[in-house]
Amino acid sequence: MGQSFVVASGKGGVGKTSVVAGVSSCLAKLGQETVCVDGDAGLRNLDLVLGLQERAVFDFTDVLAGRVPLDDALVAHPDIPGLSMLAAPIQTPDPPVDPVAFRALIETLAERAAFVLVDSPAGLGGGFALAAGACTGALVVTTPDQSALRDGARCAELLYDHSPAKLIVNRVQPRLIKLQHAHTIDQIMDAVGLPLLGVVPEDEMVLAAQNHNVPVVLAAGTGASVAFCNIADRLAGNPCPLPRRFREWKVVG
């Protein structure tokens, strides 16, 4: 049985979908069969970030309604063996998705893959509850700004039963931390109240790759792609200490 994680944030705009795409891609590159699920019905974007928008014909509501088999809805990435995606519907489903059926779908995927990452919608409403209720683990993504930290802390409270939820700090700018214009990593951990899984630096290649519909991990050597692969290593249980520069940031200020 594989592991399933809801990837949530509370606040939109923190790069959660980029984290899902990056970490999923790196898990697959480690040889771990991985499925990423877009849980944002009506506002899906995971297919764009992975460059699969032309291949995502069906979505998870097609599977739940019995219109297509699961294998037909899963989209295998052509350039990253072992990575598949299940898209969200373009429109908000009516009636709403049955939480029991959605959980059963995620459990089925976890029986087939080592990792299932569900990209939760921004906010803490029904879409978040649907995604969180289907998974056994949780990853909370935040940026260092005050509003994201507050929303991340509330998100962490609601995910208390996911054993244990872990924190990913995205879009970190070391220069601002060194100048004491941004929170340190320790302060961010304290504010959200979760153990740290990884730190992702600000990286202009993330936006560049998205604009070209290419996963950023295929642009080898960028700061974000290295960080995503480090996070994947930790999820897979491989030794991967936090880089020295991140450890140093924790004691600044």
Protein backbone atom coordinates (compact mmCIF):
# COMPACT_ATOMS: atom_id res chain seq x y z
CA MET A 1 0.00 0.00 0.00
CA GLY A 2 1.42 3.36 -1.02
CA GLN A 3 1.32 6.65 0.86
CA SER A 4 -1.22 9.37 0.11
CA PHE A 5 -0.64 13.03 0.90
CA VAL A 6 -2.91 16.02 0.60
CA VAL A 7 -0.83 19.08 -0.34
CA ALA A 8 -2.56 22.13 1.10
CA SER A 9 -1.85 25.74 1.91
CA GLY A 10 -4.83 27.67 3.20
CA LYS A 11 -3.78 30.70 1.16
CA GLY A 12 -3.62 30.72 -2.62
CA GLY A 13 -0.58 31.89 -4.52
CA VAL A 14 2.08 30.10 -2.47
CA GLY A 15 3.12 27.78 -5.31
CA LYS A 16 1.37 24.66 -4.05
CA THR A 17 0.70 23.25 -7.52
CA SER A 18 4.34 23.79 -8.48
CA VAL A 19 5.37 21.88 -5.37
CA VAL A 20 3.02 18.99 -6.21
CA ALA A 21 4.34 18.79 -9.76
CA GLY A 22 7.98 19.11 -8.72
CA VAL A 23 7.94 16.63 -5.85
CA SER A 24 5.84 14.12 -7.81
CA SER A 25 8.26 14.30 -10.72
CA CYS A 26 11.25 13.75 -8.44
CA LEU A 27 9.61 10.80 -6.68
CA ALA A 28 9.10 9.19 -10.08
CA LYS A 29 12.72 9.90 -10.99
CA LEU A 30 13.72 8.02 -7.82
CA GLY A 31 11.93 4.97 -9.22
CA GLN A 32 8.84 5.43 -7.05
CA GLU A 33 5.58 4.95 -8.98
CA THR A 34 3.75 8.22 -8.35
CA VAL A 35 0.32 9.60 -9.14
CA CYS A 36 -0.51 13.27 -8.68
CA VAL A 37 -4.19 14.18 -8.51
CA ASP A 38 -5.57 17.63 -9.22
CA GLY A 39 -8.20 18.19 -6.56
CA ASP A 40 -9.12 21.71 -7.66
CA ALA A 41 -12.42 21.13 -9.47
CA GLY A 42 -13.26 24.09 -11.69
CA LEU A 43 -9.81 25.69 -11.48
CA ARG A 44 -7.42 22.93 -12.47
CA ASN A 45 -3.83 23.85 -13.29
CA LEU A 46 -1.74 20.78 -12.54
CA ASP A 47 -1.99 19.61 -16.14
CA LEU A 48 -0.49 22.91 -17.31
CA VAL A 49 2.43 22.81 -14.87
CA LEU A 50 3.25 19.25 -15.94
CA GLY A 51 2.78 20.00 -19.65
CA LEU A 52 -0.06 17.48 -19.95
CA GLN A 53 -2.91 19.80 -20.93
CA GLU A 54 -3.28 18.20 -24.37
CA ARG A 55 -3.39 14.70 -22.92
CA ALA A 56 -5.81 15.23 -20.04
CA VAL A 57 -9.03 14.21 -21.77
CA PHE A 58 -10.86 12.73 -18.77
CA ASP A 59 -10.99 13.69 -15.08
CA PHE A 60 -11.68 12.06 -11.73
CA THR A 61 -15.43 12.72 -11.96
CA ASP A 62 -15.52 10.62 -15.15
CA VAL A 63 -14.04 7.75 -13.16
CA LEU A 64 -16.36 8.21 -10.18
CA ALA A 65 -19.41 8.33 -12.45
CA GLY A 66 -18.31 5.18 -14.27
CA ARG A 67 -18.02 6.91 -17.62
CA VAL A 68 -14.44 5.74 -18.14
CA PRO A 69 -12.11 3.22 -16.47
CA LEU A 70 -9.42 4.61 -14.18
CA ASP A 71 -6.66 3.53 -16.57
CA ASP A 72 -8.19 5.65 -19.32
CA ALA A 73 -8.32 8.75 -17.13
CA LEU A 74 -4.77 8.46 -15.81
CA VAL A 75 -2.29 10.36 -17.97
CA ALA A 76 1.24 8.96 -18.05
CA HIS A 77 3.93 11.60 -18.42
CA PRO A 78 5.82 11.04 -21.70
CA ASP A 79 9.16 12.31 -20.35
CA ILE A 80 9.08 11.15 -16.72
CA PRO A 81 8.59 7.38 -16.45
CA GLY A 82 6.59 6.33 -13.42
CA LEU A 83 4.65 9.60 -13.16
CA SER A 84 0.92 9.77 -13.89
CA MET A 85 -1.67 12.48 -13.38
CA LEU A 86 -5.41 12.39 -12.75
CA ALA A 87 -7.01 15.67 -13.75
CA ALA A 88 -9.77 17.63 -12.05
CA PRO A 89 -12.93 18.56 -13.94
CA ILE A 90 -12.91 21.88 -15.77
CA GLN A 91 -16.23 22.83 -14.19
CA THR A 92 -17.36 22.48 -10.59
CA PRO A 93 -19.26 19.19 -10.39
CA ASP A 94 -22.98 19.22 -9.70
CA PRO A 95 -23.90 17.38 -7.55
CA PRO A 96 -20.76 17.69 -5.41
CA VAL A 97 -18.27 14.82 -5.30
CA ASP A 98 -19.10 12.14 -2.75
CA PRO A 99 -16.28 12.17 -0.13
CA VAL A 100 -16.56 8.43 0.45
CA ALA A 101 -16.23 7.68 -3.27
CA PHE A 102 -13.31 10.09 -3.64
CA ARG A 103 -11.50 8.52 -0.69
CA ALA A 104 -12.02 5.08 -2.22
CA LEU A 105 -10.51 6.37 -5.47
CA ILE A 106 -7.40 7.67 -3.69
CA GLU A 107 -7.08 4.37 -1.82
CA THR A 108 -7.26 2.51 -5.12
CA LEU A 109 -4.49 4.69 -6.50
CA ALA A 110 -2.41 4.09 -3.35
CA GLU A 111 -2.73 0.35 -3.92
CA ARG A 112 -1.14 0.82 -7.33
CA ALA A 113 1.48 3.48 -6.66
CA ALA A 114 4.09 4.15 -4.01
CA PHE A 115 2.97 7.76 -3.63
CA VAL A 116 -0.23 9.68 -4.32
CA LEU A 117 -0.11 13.48 -3.99
CA VAL A 118 -3.42 15.34 -4.09
CA ASP A 119 -3.25 19.03 -4.98
CA SER A 120 -5.86 20.60 -2.70
CA PRO A 121 -7.71 23.75 -3.75
CA ALA A 122 -6.60 26.98 -2.09
CA GLY A 123 -8.62 27.89 0.98
CA LEU A 124 -10.14 25.72 3.65
CA GLY A 125 -13.57 25.01 2.19
CA GLY A 126 -15.27 21.98 0.72
CA GLY A 127 -12.54 21.16 -1.79
CA PHE A 128 -9.92 21.17 0.95
CA ALA A 129 -12.09 18.91 3.13
CA LEU A 130 -12.61 16.53 0.21
CA ALA A 131 -8.88 16.23 -0.52
CA ALA A 132 -7.81 16.05 3.12
CA GLY A 133 -10.40 13.45 3.99
CA ALA A 134 -9.14 11.15 1.23
CA CYS A 135 -5.49 11.08 2.32
CA THR A 136 -3.57 9.65 5.24
CA GLY A 137 -0.77 12.23 5.29
CA ALA A 138 -0.46 15.96 4.68
CA LEU A 139 2.06 18.49 3.42
CA VAL A 140 1.42 22.16 4.16
CA VAL A 141 3.00 24.66 1.77
CA THR A 142 3.64 28.23 2.85
CA THR A 143 5.70 31.21 1.79
CA PRO A 144 7.49 33.40 4.35
CA ASP A 145 4.95 36.26 4.25
CA GLN A 146 2.68 36.97 7.21
CA SER A 147 -0.65 36.19 5.56
CA ALA A 148 0.57 32.83 4.24
CA LEU A 149 1.93 31.89 7.66
CA ARG A 150 -1.36 32.72 9.38
CA ASP A 151 -3.35 30.69 6.86
CA GLY A 152 -0.79 27.90 6.98
CA ALA A 153 -1.15 27.68 10.75
CA ARG A 154 -4.92 27.38 10.45
CA CYS A 155 -4.49 24.74 7.76
CA ALA A 156 -2.13 22.83 10.05
CA GLU A 157 -4.71 22.90 12.84
CA LEU A 158 -7.33 21.35 10.58
CA LEU A 159 -4.86 18.66 9.49
CA TYR A 160 -3.91 17.73 13.04
CA ASP A 161 -5.06 14.12 12.63
CA HIS A 162 -2.85 13.51 9.59
CA SER A 163 0.13 11.77 11.10
CA PRO A 164 2.15 13.84 11.02
CA ALA A 165 1.58 16.81 8.73
CA LYS A 166 4.84 18.36 7.53
CA LEU A 167 5.88 21.77 6.31
CA ILE A 168 7.35 22.92 3.00
CA VAL A 169 8.52 26.53 2.85
CA ASN A 170 8.39 27.78 -0.72
CA ARG A 171 9.84 30.80 -2.51
CA VAL A 172 12.41 31.59 0.17
CA GLN A 173 14.77 34.51 -0.52
CA PRO A 174 17.95 34.12 1.54
CA ARG A 175 19.03 37.72 0.97
CA LEU A 176 15.92 39.02 2.74
CA ILE A 177 16.49 36.67 5.66
CA LYS A 178 20.13 37.72 6.01
CA LEU A 179 19.03 41.37 6.01
CA GLN A 180 16.42 40.49 8.64
CA HIS A 181 13.61 41.58 6.32
CA ALA A 182 12.00 38.14 6.31
CA HIS A 183 11.26 35.42 8.84
CA THR A 184 13.92 32.80 9.50
CA ILE A 185 13.10 29.15 8.86
CA ASP A 186 12.87 28.54 12.62
CA GLN A 187 10.38 31.38 12.98
CA ILE A 188 8.31 30.01 10.10
CA MET A 189 8.22 26.56 11.68
CA ASP A 190 7.12 28.07 14.98
CA ALA A 191 4.43 30.17 13.31
CA VAL A 192 2.87 27.26 11.43
CA GLY A 193 3.53 24.66 14.11
CA LEU A 194 4.77 21.82 11.92
CA PRO A 195 8.06 19.94 11.46
CA LEU A 196 10.04 20.97 8.41
CA LEU A 197 10.21 18.73 5.34
CA GLY A 198 11.98 21.08 2.96
CA VAL A 199 12.84 24.60 1.84
CA VAL A 200 12.45 25.74 -1.77
CA PRO A 201 14.26 28.92 -2.84
CA GLU A 202 12.77 31.54 -5.08
CA ASP A 203 13.62 30.46 -8.62
CA GLU A 204 12.67 32.30 -11.82
CA MET A 205 12.97 29.03 -13.74
CA VAL A 206 9.73 27.82 -12.12
CA LEU A 207 7.75 30.49 -13.96
CA ALA A 208 9.81 30.08 -17.12
CA ALA A 209 9.22 26.32 -17.19
CA GLN A 210 5.49 26.77 -16.58
CA ASN A 211 5.22 29.24 -19.44
CA HIS A 212 6.78 26.60 -21.69
CA ASN A 213 4.59 23.82 -20.23
CA VAL A 214 7.64 21.87 -19.09
CA PRO A 215 8.14 20.45 -15.56
CA VAL A 216 10.82 22.50 -13.84
CA VAL A 217 12.68 19.35 -12.75
CA LEU A 218 13.55 18.74 -16.39
CA ALA A 219 15.48 22.02 -16.29
CA ALA A 220 18.27 20.31 -14.35
CA GLY A 221 20.26 22.19 -11.78
CA THR A 222 17.85 24.97 -10.87
CA GLY A 223 17.45 25.78 -7.20
CA ALA A 224 13.81 24.77 -7.06
CA SER A 225 14.31 21.50 -8.93
CA VAL A 226 17.12 20.46 -6.57
CA ALA A 227 14.95 21.34 -3.57
CA PHE A 228 12.00 19.35 -4.93
CA CYS A 229 14.23 16.31 -5.38
CA ASN A 230 15.59 16.69 -1.84
CA ILE A 231 12.02 16.72 -0.52
CA ALA A 232 11.23 13.63 -2.58
CA ASP A 233 14.27 11.88 -1.10
CA ARG A 234 13.05 12.61 2.43
CA LEU A 235 9.54 11.38 1.65
CA ALA A 236 11.03 8.19 0.24
CA GLY A 237 13.03 7.67 3.44
CA ASN A 238 16.43 8.41 1.96
CA PRO A 239 19.00 10.33 4.06
CA CYS A 240 19.01 13.93 2.86
CA PRO A 241 20.07 16.57 5.39
CA LEU A 242 18.97 20.14 4.94
CA PRO A 243 21.65 21.99 2.91
CA ARG A 244 24.11 23.97 5.01
CA ARG A 245 22.90 27.34 3.74
CA PHE A 246 19.36 26.58 4.96
CA ARG A 247 20.63 25.53 8.39
CA GLU A 248 22.51 28.80 8.63
CA TRP A 249 19.39 30.78 7.75
CA LYS A 250 17.67 29.32 10.78
CA VAL A 251 19.89 31.24 13.19
CA VAL A 252 19.84 34.62 11.46
CA GLY A 253 17.98 37.38 13.28
